[in-house]
Amino acid sequence: MDDLALLRDTDVYLVDLVLRGLAPAGPRIVDVGSGGGRNLPWVVARGCDGVAGEPRPEGRIAVDERLAAHGRDPGRVQHVEASVEDADLPPGSADLVVSCAVLPIARDHEHFTRMLDATWRLVAPGGLLFARLASSVGIEDLVLPLGGGVHRLPDESDRYLVDERTLLDATERMGGTLVGPIKSTVVQRLRTMTTWVVARPPRD
């Protein structure tokens, strides 16, 4: 299986992080809300051991099938069938925690904070949190507040939205450090996806 096939489904900003040498050297990766596991074949191909956190049982089947289709051993990925806030994973168990389009499902501010704190606790000292979130950046005048941080987007979906201030405040509260600037991509003014990468200090 060639590298392009492995990269086809992988989040481009995650690939960029690794190619620029910014990803931690450790081999332990947790993908929270992994869904069908689109980021996992490339992770496993790099020699990493992965954990797929996905509450829906069909996620396990989808991940294993995707890995097998790419010629990768499904046994390299541990499955945890739970949401991140309910997952029984030890603190500091990952050098890299990947959270793609998971935090936007938060029901309100309190739920968002619980999800974020549960995700951050998995990051080992010296490790990174790589998150892709829905945000209001660039479409502030187009989103309809529904309460508790949830908004209706122009694409008619309802999502918990963040903005730059929210992420800067969260970075400070968690005691983390930004790895590069916060980046937002506006998708034809229908929605905005923001990339937020935070490093945990080598020793808290």
Protein backbone atom coordinates (compact mmCIF):
# COMPACT_ATOMS: atom_id res chain seq x y z
CA MET A 1 0.00 0.00 0.00
CA ASP A 2 1.57 3.29 -1.07
CA ASP A 3 1.88 6.35 1.13
CA LEU A 4 -0.70 8.31 -0.87
CA ALA A 5 -3.34 5.66 -0.19
CA LEU A 6 -2.58 5.88 3.51
CA LEU A 7 -2.77 9.67 3.47
CA ARG A 8 -5.97 9.91 1.47
CA ASP A 9 -8.31 9.96 4.47
CA THR A 10 -5.91 11.33 7.08
CA ASP A 11 -6.59 14.81 8.42
CA VAL A 12 -4.33 17.12 6.40
CA TYR A 13 -3.48 19.26 9.43
CA LEU A 14 -2.38 16.19 11.37
CA VAL A 15 -0.14 15.20 8.46
CA ASP A 16 1.25 18.74 8.38
CA LEU A 17 2.03 18.60 12.11
CA VAL A 18 4.03 15.40 11.70
CA LEU A 19 5.82 16.45 8.52
CA ARG A 20 6.97 19.68 10.15
CA GLY A 21 8.51 17.67 12.96
CA LEU A 22 6.17 19.07 15.60
CA ALA A 23 4.58 15.80 16.72
CA PRO A 24 5.99 14.18 19.88
CA ALA A 25 8.48 11.37 19.44
CA GLY A 26 6.56 8.93 21.66
CA PRO A 27 4.61 6.12 20.01
CA ARG A 28 1.39 6.22 22.03
CA ILE A 29 -1.60 7.79 20.28
CA VAL A 30 -5.22 8.04 21.39
CA ASP A 31 -7.85 9.01 18.82
CA VAL A 32 -10.92 10.10 20.79
CA GLY A 33 -14.19 9.87 18.92
CA SER A 34 -12.33 7.94 16.25
CA GLY A 35 -15.45 7.07 14.23
CA GLY A 36 -14.36 4.93 11.31
CA GLY A 37 -10.70 5.46 12.18
CA ARG A 38 -9.64 7.53 9.20
CA ASN A 39 -6.48 8.75 10.95
CA LEU A 40 -5.39 5.37 12.28
CA PRO A 41 -3.89 3.54 9.24
CA TRP A 42 -1.23 6.21 8.78
CA VAL A 43 -0.59 6.30 12.53
CA VAL A 44 -0.05 2.55 12.63
CA ALA A 45 2.12 2.71 9.49
CA ARG A 46 4.43 5.10 11.38
CA GLY A 47 5.03 2.40 13.97
CA CYS A 48 2.71 3.84 16.61
CA ASP A 49 0.31 1.93 18.83
CA GLY A 50 -3.14 3.45 18.78
CA VAL A 51 -6.21 3.57 20.94
CA ALA A 52 -9.53 4.13 19.19
CA GLY A 53 -12.06 5.70 21.53
CA GLU A 54 -15.52 5.44 20.00
CA PRO A 55 -18.78 4.89 21.90
CA ARG A 56 -20.62 3.35 18.94
CA PRO A 57 -19.93 -0.41 18.63
CA GLU A 58 -19.91 -0.24 14.85
CA GLY A 59 -16.79 1.93 15.15
CA ARG A 60 -14.69 -1.09 16.11
CA ILE A 61 -15.73 -2.95 12.97
CA ALA A 62 -15.12 0.06 10.74
CA VAL A 63 -11.65 0.70 12.21
CA ASP A 64 -10.57 -2.93 11.88
CA GLU A 65 -11.84 -3.13 8.32
CA ARG A 66 -10.09 0.10 7.37
CA LEU A 67 -6.78 -1.07 8.85
CA ALA A 68 -7.03 -4.45 7.12
CA ALA A 69 -7.84 -2.76 3.80
CA HIS A 70 -4.60 -0.81 4.13
CA GLY A 71 -2.63 -3.94 4.98
CA ARG A 72 -2.19 -2.97 8.64
CA ASP A 73 -2.62 -5.21 11.65
CA PRO A 74 -5.87 -4.34 13.48
CA GLY A 75 -4.26 -5.76 16.61
CA ARG A 76 -2.10 -2.63 16.82
CA VAL A 77 -5.17 -0.63 17.84
CA GLN A 78 -6.92 -1.01 21.20
CA HIS A 79 -10.64 -0.27 21.21
CA VAL A 80 -12.42 1.62 23.97
CA GLU A 81 -16.18 1.77 23.46
CA ALA A 82 -16.91 4.91 25.45
CA SER A 83 -17.12 8.65 25.07
CA VAL A 84 -13.96 10.47 26.11
CA GLU A 85 -15.46 11.67 29.39
CA ASP A 86 -16.41 8.08 30.30
CA ALA A 87 -13.39 6.24 28.92
CA ASP A 88 -11.41 4.18 31.43
CA LEU A 89 -7.97 5.27 30.26
CA PRO A 90 -5.15 6.24 32.63
CA PRO A 91 -4.02 9.86 32.86
CA GLY A 92 -1.02 10.67 30.70
CA SER A 93 -1.49 7.56 28.59
CA ALA A 94 -0.81 9.19 25.20
CA ASP A 95 2.03 11.13 23.64
CA LEU A 96 -0.46 12.47 21.09
CA VAL A 97 -4.21 12.79 21.60
CA VAL A 98 -6.23 13.37 18.44
CA SER A 99 -9.70 14.91 18.70
CA CYS A 100 -11.26 15.57 15.29
CA ALA A 101 -14.80 16.97 15.17
CA VAL A 102 -15.60 15.54 18.62
CA LEU A 103 -15.83 18.60 20.88
CA PRO A 104 -18.48 20.27 18.65
CA ILE A 105 -21.02 17.66 19.82
CA ALA A 106 -20.96 19.19 23.33
CA ARG A 107 -24.46 19.93 24.60
CA ASP A 108 -23.50 23.07 26.52
CA HIS A 109 -20.57 24.87 28.17
CA GLU A 110 -20.39 22.42 31.07
CA HIS A 111 -20.38 19.39 28.79
CA PHE A 112 -17.70 20.98 26.60
CA THR A 113 -15.48 21.58 29.63
CA ARG A 114 -15.93 17.98 30.84
CA MET A 115 -15.07 16.63 27.40
CA LEU A 116 -12.05 18.89 27.04
CA ASP A 117 -10.71 18.14 30.52
CA ALA A 118 -11.13 14.40 29.96
CA THR A 119 -9.23 14.70 26.67
CA TRP A 120 -6.43 16.82 28.15
CA ARG A 121 -5.87 14.42 31.08
CA LEU A 122 -4.84 11.74 28.58
CA VAL A 123 -1.90 13.82 27.31
CA ALA A 124 1.40 12.70 28.80
CA PRO A 125 4.01 15.23 29.98
CA GLY A 126 5.72 16.53 26.85
CA GLY A 127 2.81 15.34 24.72
CA LEU A 128 0.34 17.12 22.45
CA LEU A 129 -3.37 17.58 22.05
CA PHE A 130 -4.35 17.95 18.40
CA ALA A 131 -7.94 19.17 18.09
CA ARG A 132 -10.18 20.12 15.19
CA LEU A 133 -13.23 22.05 16.35
CA ALA A 134 -16.16 23.91 14.88
CA SER A 135 -15.85 27.64 15.46
CA SER A 136 -17.56 30.92 14.72
CA VAL A 137 -14.43 32.49 13.22
CA GLY A 138 -15.29 34.29 9.99
CA ILE A 139 -19.00 33.47 10.15
CA GLU A 140 -19.94 35.32 13.32
CA ASP A 141 -22.82 37.14 11.59
CA LEU A 142 -24.23 33.94 10.12
CA VAL A 143 -24.62 31.67 13.16
CA LEU A 144 -27.72 31.56 15.36
CA PRO A 145 -27.11 31.12 19.11
CA LEU A 146 -29.29 28.36 20.59
CA GLY A 147 -27.96 28.61 24.13
CA GLY A 148 -25.09 27.11 26.10
CA GLY A 149 -22.56 27.69 23.32
CA VAL A 150 -24.53 25.66 20.76
CA HIS A 151 -25.30 27.45 17.49
CA ARG A 152 -27.17 26.72 14.29
CA LEU A 153 -24.80 27.03 11.35
CA PRO A 154 -25.59 28.16 7.81
CA ASP A 155 -25.36 24.48 6.76
CA GLU A 156 -28.33 23.93 9.15
CA SER A 157 -26.38 21.76 11.59
CA ASP A 158 -26.30 22.50 15.31
CA ARG A 159 -22.84 22.50 16.90
CA TYR A 160 -21.00 23.79 19.92
CA LEU A 161 -18.82 26.61 18.61
CA VAL A 162 -15.62 28.08 19.99
CA ASP A 163 -13.74 31.23 19.07
CA GLU A 164 -10.13 32.30 19.44
CA ARG A 165 -10.69 33.75 22.91
CA THR A 166 -12.24 30.52 24.13
CA LEU A 167 -9.25 28.50 22.99
CA LEU A 168 -6.68 30.96 24.33
CA ASP A 169 -8.40 30.95 27.73
CA ALA A 170 -8.60 27.14 27.72
CA THR A 171 -4.91 26.85 26.84
CA GLU A 172 -4.02 29.03 29.82
CA ARG A 173 -6.42 27.23 32.17
CA MET A 174 -4.96 23.84 31.26
CA GLY A 175 -1.40 25.06 31.70
CA GLY A 176 -0.56 24.23 28.10
CA THR A 177 1.37 26.00 25.35
CA LEU A 178 0.17 26.64 21.83
CA VAL A 179 2.09 24.76 19.14
CA GLY A 180 1.89 27.31 16.36
CA PRO A 181 -1.00 29.70 15.77
CA ILE A 182 -4.65 28.71 15.94
CA LYS A 183 -5.77 28.13 12.33
CA SER A 184 -9.31 28.40 11.02
CA THR A 185 -10.68 27.32 7.65
CA VAL A 186 -13.96 28.86 6.52
CA VAL A 187 -15.82 26.41 4.27
CA GLN A 188 -17.77 28.60 1.83
CA ARG A 189 -19.28 30.52 4.77
CA LEU A 190 -21.27 27.43 5.72
CA ARG A 191 -19.08 26.38 8.64
CA THR A 192 -15.60 26.95 10.05
CA MET A 193 -13.19 24.28 11.28
CA THR A 194 -10.41 25.43 13.59
CA THR A 195 -7.17 23.58 14.33
CA TRP A 196 -5.84 23.91 17.88
CA VAL A 197 -2.64 22.19 18.99
CA VAL A 198 -1.55 22.39 22.63
CA ALA A 199 1.57 20.99 24.28
CA ARG A 200 1.65 19.80 27.88
CA PRO A 201 4.86 20.79 29.68
CA PRO A 202 7.37 17.97 30.21
CA ARG A 203 6.60 18.18 33.92
CA ASP A 204 3.40 19.67 35.32
